[in-house]
């Protein structure tokens, strides 16, 4: 017998998968939206690890730079390159 919790978990996993598929297809809108600057560091890192995005790399770079500037400002950090790197995420290829 499948419990209600495991059914809920399956629904949540399917929902999140659908959300990430939409982000993949609509990534240009994601990176250009005001809501992008409200995402968490973990979400940003996951977004940057996606295999496919439908946006130019320069747009991703600019959006991430702006995200880091906003995050540093919220933490009352000077907008230095080191502080922007500190608040951002490291992605290794």
N, C-alpha and C. Protein backbone atom coordinates (compact mmCIF):
# COMPACT_ATOMS: atom_id res chain seq x y z
N UNK A 1 0.84 -1.18 0.00
CA UNK A 1 0.00 0.00 0.00
C UNK A 1 0.89 1.24 0.00
N UNK A 2 0.59 2.19 -0.88
CA UNK A 2 1.35 3.44 -0.97
C UNK A 2 0.73 4.45 -0.03
N UNK A 3 1.57 5.04 0.79
CA UNK A 3 1.07 6.02 1.74
C UNK A 3 0.79 7.34 1.04
N UNK A 4 0.02 8.18 1.71
CA UNK A 4 -0.30 9.51 1.19
C UNK A 4 0.99 10.32 1.04
N UNK A 5 1.92 10.13 1.98
CA UNK A 5 3.17 10.89 1.91
C UNK A 5 3.99 10.53 0.68
N UNK A 6 4.06 9.23 0.34
CA UNK A 6 4.83 8.87 -0.84
C UNK A 6 4.13 9.33 -2.11
N UNK A 7 2.81 9.35 -2.12
CA UNK A 7 2.09 9.88 -3.27
C UNK A 7 2.36 11.38 -3.40
N UNK A 8 2.37 12.08 -2.27
CA UNK A 8 2.68 13.51 -2.29
C UNK A 8 4.10 13.75 -2.78
N UNK A 9 5.02 12.92 -2.34
CA UNK A 9 6.42 13.06 -2.76
C UNK A 9 6.55 12.87 -4.27
N UNK A 10 5.85 11.90 -4.82
CA UNK A 10 5.89 11.67 -6.26
C UNK A 10 5.33 12.87 -7.00
N UNK A 11 4.24 13.42 -6.50
CA UNK A 11 3.63 14.61 -7.12
C UNK A 11 4.59 15.80 -7.06
N UNK A 12 5.26 15.98 -5.96
CA UNK A 12 6.21 17.09 -5.81
C UNK A 12 7.37 16.93 -6.78
N UNK A 13 7.89 15.72 -6.89
CA UNK A 13 9.01 15.47 -7.82
C UNK A 13 8.57 15.75 -9.25
N UNK A 14 7.37 15.29 -9.63
CA UNK A 14 6.87 15.54 -10.99
C UNK A 14 6.66 17.03 -11.21
N UNK A 15 6.13 17.73 -10.22
CA UNK A 15 5.90 19.17 -10.32
C UNK A 15 7.22 19.91 -10.51
N UNK A 16 8.22 19.58 -9.69
CA UNK A 16 9.52 20.25 -9.80
C UNK A 16 10.17 19.96 -11.15
N UNK A 17 10.04 18.74 -11.63
CA UNK A 17 10.59 18.40 -12.93
C UNK A 17 9.94 19.24 -14.03
N UNK A 18 8.65 19.41 -13.95
CA UNK A 18 7.93 20.24 -14.92
C UNK A 18 8.39 21.69 -14.83
N UNK A 19 8.57 22.18 -13.62
CA UNK A 19 9.04 23.56 -13.43
C UNK A 19 10.41 23.76 -14.08
N UNK A 20 11.33 22.83 -13.86
CA UNK A 20 12.66 22.96 -14.45
C UNK A 20 12.61 22.85 -15.97
N UNK A 21 11.68 22.08 -16.51
CA UNK A 21 11.53 22.00 -17.96
C UNK A 21 11.07 23.35 -18.53
N UNK A 22 10.16 24.00 -17.82
CA UNK A 22 9.70 25.33 -18.24
C UNK A 22 10.85 26.33 -18.17
N UNK A 23 11.63 26.27 -17.11
CA UNK A 23 12.79 27.16 -16.98
C UNK A 23 13.76 26.92 -18.14
N UNK A 24 13.97 25.68 -18.50
CA UNK A 24 14.86 25.36 -19.61
C UNK A 24 14.36 25.98 -20.92
N UNK A 25 13.06 25.86 -21.17
CA UNK A 25 12.49 26.37 -22.41
C UNK A 25 12.35 27.89 -22.41
N UNK A 26 12.15 28.46 -21.23
CA UNK A 26 11.90 29.90 -21.11
C UNK A 26 13.04 30.62 -20.39
N UNK A 27 14.24 30.09 -20.50
CA UNK A 27 15.35 30.62 -19.69
C UNK A 27 15.69 32.08 -20.01
N UNK A 28 15.47 32.52 -21.23
CA UNK A 28 15.73 33.93 -21.54
C UNK A 28 14.84 34.81 -20.68
N UNK A 29 13.58 34.44 -20.56
CA UNK A 29 12.66 35.21 -19.72
C UNK A 29 13.06 35.14 -18.25
N UNK A 30 13.53 33.98 -17.83
CA UNK A 30 13.96 33.80 -16.44
C UNK A 30 15.11 34.76 -16.11
N UNK A 31 16.14 34.76 -16.95
CA UNK A 31 17.31 35.57 -16.68
C UNK A 31 17.05 37.07 -16.83
N UNK A 32 15.99 37.43 -17.55
CA UNK A 32 15.67 38.84 -17.74
C UNK A 32 14.55 39.32 -16.81
N UNK A 33 14.06 38.45 -15.95
CA UNK A 33 12.96 38.83 -15.07
C UNK A 33 13.47 39.44 -13.77
N UNK A 34 12.66 40.26 -13.18
CA UNK A 34 12.99 40.85 -11.88
C UNK A 34 13.02 39.77 -10.81
N UNK A 35 12.19 38.75 -10.96
CA UNK A 35 12.13 37.66 -9.98
C UNK A 35 13.44 36.87 -9.91
N UNK A 36 14.23 36.88 -10.99
CA UNK A 36 15.51 36.18 -11.00
C UNK A 36 16.39 36.65 -9.84
N UNK A 37 16.32 37.92 -9.52
CA UNK A 37 17.20 38.48 -8.50
C UNK A 37 16.77 38.12 -7.08
N UNK A 38 15.65 37.44 -6.96
CA UNK A 38 15.15 37.01 -5.65
C UNK A 38 15.46 35.55 -5.37
N UNK A 39 16.01 34.83 -6.34
CA UNK A 39 16.25 33.41 -6.12
C UNK A 39 17.41 33.21 -5.15
N UNK A 40 17.40 32.07 -4.50
CA UNK A 40 18.47 31.74 -3.55
C UNK A 40 19.75 31.37 -4.28
N UNK A 41 20.83 31.37 -3.54
CA UNK A 41 22.11 30.95 -4.09
C UNK A 41 22.04 29.51 -4.58
N UNK A 42 21.40 28.64 -3.81
CA UNK A 42 21.26 27.23 -4.22
C UNK A 42 20.50 27.09 -5.53
N UNK A 43 19.43 27.88 -5.68
CA UNK A 43 18.64 27.83 -6.91
C UNK A 43 19.46 28.36 -8.08
N UNK A 44 20.22 29.44 -7.85
CA UNK A 44 21.08 29.98 -8.89
C UNK A 44 22.09 28.92 -9.34
N UNK A 45 22.72 28.27 -8.39
CA UNK A 45 23.71 27.24 -8.73
C UNK A 45 23.08 26.10 -9.52
N UNK A 46 21.90 25.69 -9.10
CA UNK A 46 21.22 24.60 -9.83
C UNK A 46 20.87 25.04 -11.25
N UNK A 47 20.42 26.26 -11.37
CA UNK A 47 20.08 26.81 -12.68
C UNK A 47 21.30 26.84 -13.60
N UNK A 48 22.43 27.24 -13.06
CA UNK A 48 23.66 27.32 -13.86
C UNK A 48 24.23 25.95 -14.22
N UNK A 49 23.82 24.92 -13.50
CA UNK A 49 24.28 23.56 -13.81
C UNK A 49 23.42 22.87 -14.86
N UNK A 50 22.34 23.51 -15.27
CA UNK A 50 21.45 22.89 -16.25
C UNK A 50 22.19 22.63 -17.56
N UNK A 51 21.87 21.52 -18.18
CA UNK A 51 22.51 21.14 -19.44
C UNK A 51 22.18 22.10 -20.57
N UNK A 52 20.93 22.49 -20.65
CA UNK A 52 20.48 23.34 -21.75
C UNK A 52 19.74 24.55 -21.22
N UNK A 53 20.07 25.69 -21.77
CA UNK A 53 19.34 26.92 -21.48
C UNK A 53 19.10 27.62 -22.82
N UNK A 54 17.96 28.23 -22.97
CA UNK A 54 17.65 28.91 -24.23
C UNK A 54 17.93 30.41 -24.09
N UNK A 55 19.20 30.72 -23.83
CA UNK A 55 19.62 32.11 -23.65
C UNK A 55 21.11 32.18 -23.99
N UNK A 56 21.56 33.33 -24.44
CA UNK A 56 22.98 33.51 -24.75
C UNK A 56 23.80 33.57 -23.46
N UNK A 57 25.03 33.05 -23.55
CA UNK A 57 25.91 33.03 -22.38
C UNK A 57 26.15 34.42 -21.81
N UNK A 58 26.27 35.42 -22.67
CA UNK A 58 26.52 36.78 -22.17
C UNK A 58 25.35 37.28 -21.33
N UNK A 59 24.14 36.88 -21.68
CA UNK A 59 22.96 37.26 -20.89
C UNK A 59 22.99 36.59 -19.52
N UNK A 60 23.44 35.33 -19.49
CA UNK A 60 23.58 34.60 -18.23
C UNK A 60 24.63 35.29 -17.37
N UNK A 61 25.77 35.61 -17.97
CA UNK A 61 26.85 36.27 -17.25
C UNK A 61 26.38 37.59 -16.65
N UNK A 62 25.73 38.42 -17.45
CA UNK A 62 25.27 39.73 -16.97
C UNK A 62 24.24 39.59 -15.85
N UNK A 63 23.32 38.66 -16.02
CA UNK A 63 22.30 38.45 -14.99
C UNK A 63 22.93 37.97 -13.69
N UNK A 64 23.90 37.07 -13.79
CA UNK A 64 24.56 36.56 -12.58
C UNK A 64 25.38 37.65 -11.90
N UNK A 65 26.03 38.49 -12.69
CA UNK A 65 26.79 39.60 -12.13
C UNK A 65 25.85 40.55 -11.39
N UNK A 66 24.73 40.86 -12.01
CA UNK A 66 23.75 41.74 -11.38
C UNK A 66 23.17 41.08 -10.12
N UNK A 67 22.91 39.78 -10.18
CA UNK A 67 22.41 39.04 -9.01
C UNK A 67 23.42 39.15 -7.85
N UNK A 68 24.71 38.95 -8.16
CA UNK A 68 25.75 39.03 -7.13
C UNK A 68 25.86 40.43 -6.55
N UNK A 69 25.71 41.45 -7.40
CA UNK A 69 25.76 42.83 -6.91
C UNK A 69 24.61 43.10 -5.95
N UNK A 70 23.43 42.65 -6.31
CA UNK A 70 22.27 42.84 -5.43
C UNK A 70 22.45 42.08 -4.12
N UNK A 71 22.93 40.86 -4.20
CA UNK A 71 23.12 40.04 -3.00
C UNK A 71 24.16 40.69 -2.08
N UNK A 72 25.26 41.17 -2.65
CA UNK A 72 26.30 41.83 -1.86
C UNK A 72 25.74 43.09 -1.20
N UNK A 73 24.93 43.84 -1.93
CA UNK A 73 24.32 45.05 -1.36
C UNK A 73 23.40 44.72 -0.20
N UNK A 74 22.62 43.66 -0.35
CA UNK A 74 21.73 43.24 0.73
C UNK A 74 22.50 42.86 1.99
N UNK A 75 23.71 42.35 1.79
CA UNK A 75 24.56 41.95 2.92
C UNK A 75 25.48 43.08 3.38
N UNK A 76 25.24 44.28 2.83
CA UNK A 76 26.04 45.46 3.16
C UNK A 76 27.52 45.26 2.89
N UNK A 77 27.82 44.56 1.80
CA UNK A 77 29.20 44.35 1.39
C UNK A 77 29.54 45.34 0.27
N UNK A 78 30.76 45.78 0.26
CA UNK A 78 31.21 46.64 -0.84
C UNK A 78 31.13 45.84 -2.14
N UNK A 79 30.85 46.53 -3.24
CA UNK A 79 30.69 45.85 -4.52
C UNK A 79 32.03 45.60 -5.19
N UNK A 80 32.87 44.85 -4.50
CA UNK A 80 34.17 44.49 -5.04
C UNK A 80 34.06 43.14 -5.76
N UNK A 81 34.96 42.87 -6.69
CA UNK A 81 34.94 41.55 -7.34
C UNK A 81 35.01 40.40 -6.34
N UNK A 82 35.82 40.55 -5.30
CA UNK A 82 35.96 39.47 -4.30
C UNK A 82 34.64 39.23 -3.58
N UNK A 83 33.93 40.28 -3.22
CA UNK A 83 32.65 40.13 -2.53
C UNK A 83 31.59 39.54 -3.45
N UNK A 84 31.62 39.92 -4.71
CA UNK A 84 30.66 39.35 -5.66
C UNK A 84 30.91 37.85 -5.82
N UNK A 85 32.19 37.46 -5.86
CA UNK A 85 32.50 36.01 -5.95
C UNK A 85 32.07 35.30 -4.67
N UNK A 86 32.25 35.97 -3.54
CA UNK A 86 31.89 35.35 -2.25
C UNK A 86 30.41 35.04 -2.16
N UNK A 87 29.55 35.93 -2.63
CA UNK A 87 28.11 35.70 -2.51
C UNK A 87 27.58 34.81 -3.62
N UNK A 88 28.33 34.66 -4.71
CA UNK A 88 27.89 33.85 -5.83
C UNK A 88 28.19 32.38 -5.63
N UNK A 89 27.97 31.61 -6.65
CA UNK A 89 28.26 30.17 -6.56
C UNK A 89 29.36 29.82 -7.54
N UNK A 90 30.11 28.83 -7.18
CA UNK A 90 31.19 28.35 -8.04
C UNK A 90 30.70 27.13 -8.81
N UNK A 91 30.84 27.24 -10.09
CA UNK A 91 30.45 26.14 -10.96
C UNK A 91 31.72 25.62 -11.63
N UNK A 92 31.99 24.35 -11.45
CA UNK A 92 33.16 23.76 -12.11
C UNK A 92 32.70 22.92 -13.27
N UNK A 93 33.46 22.98 -14.32
CA UNK A 93 33.10 22.25 -15.54
C UNK A 93 33.93 21.00 -15.62
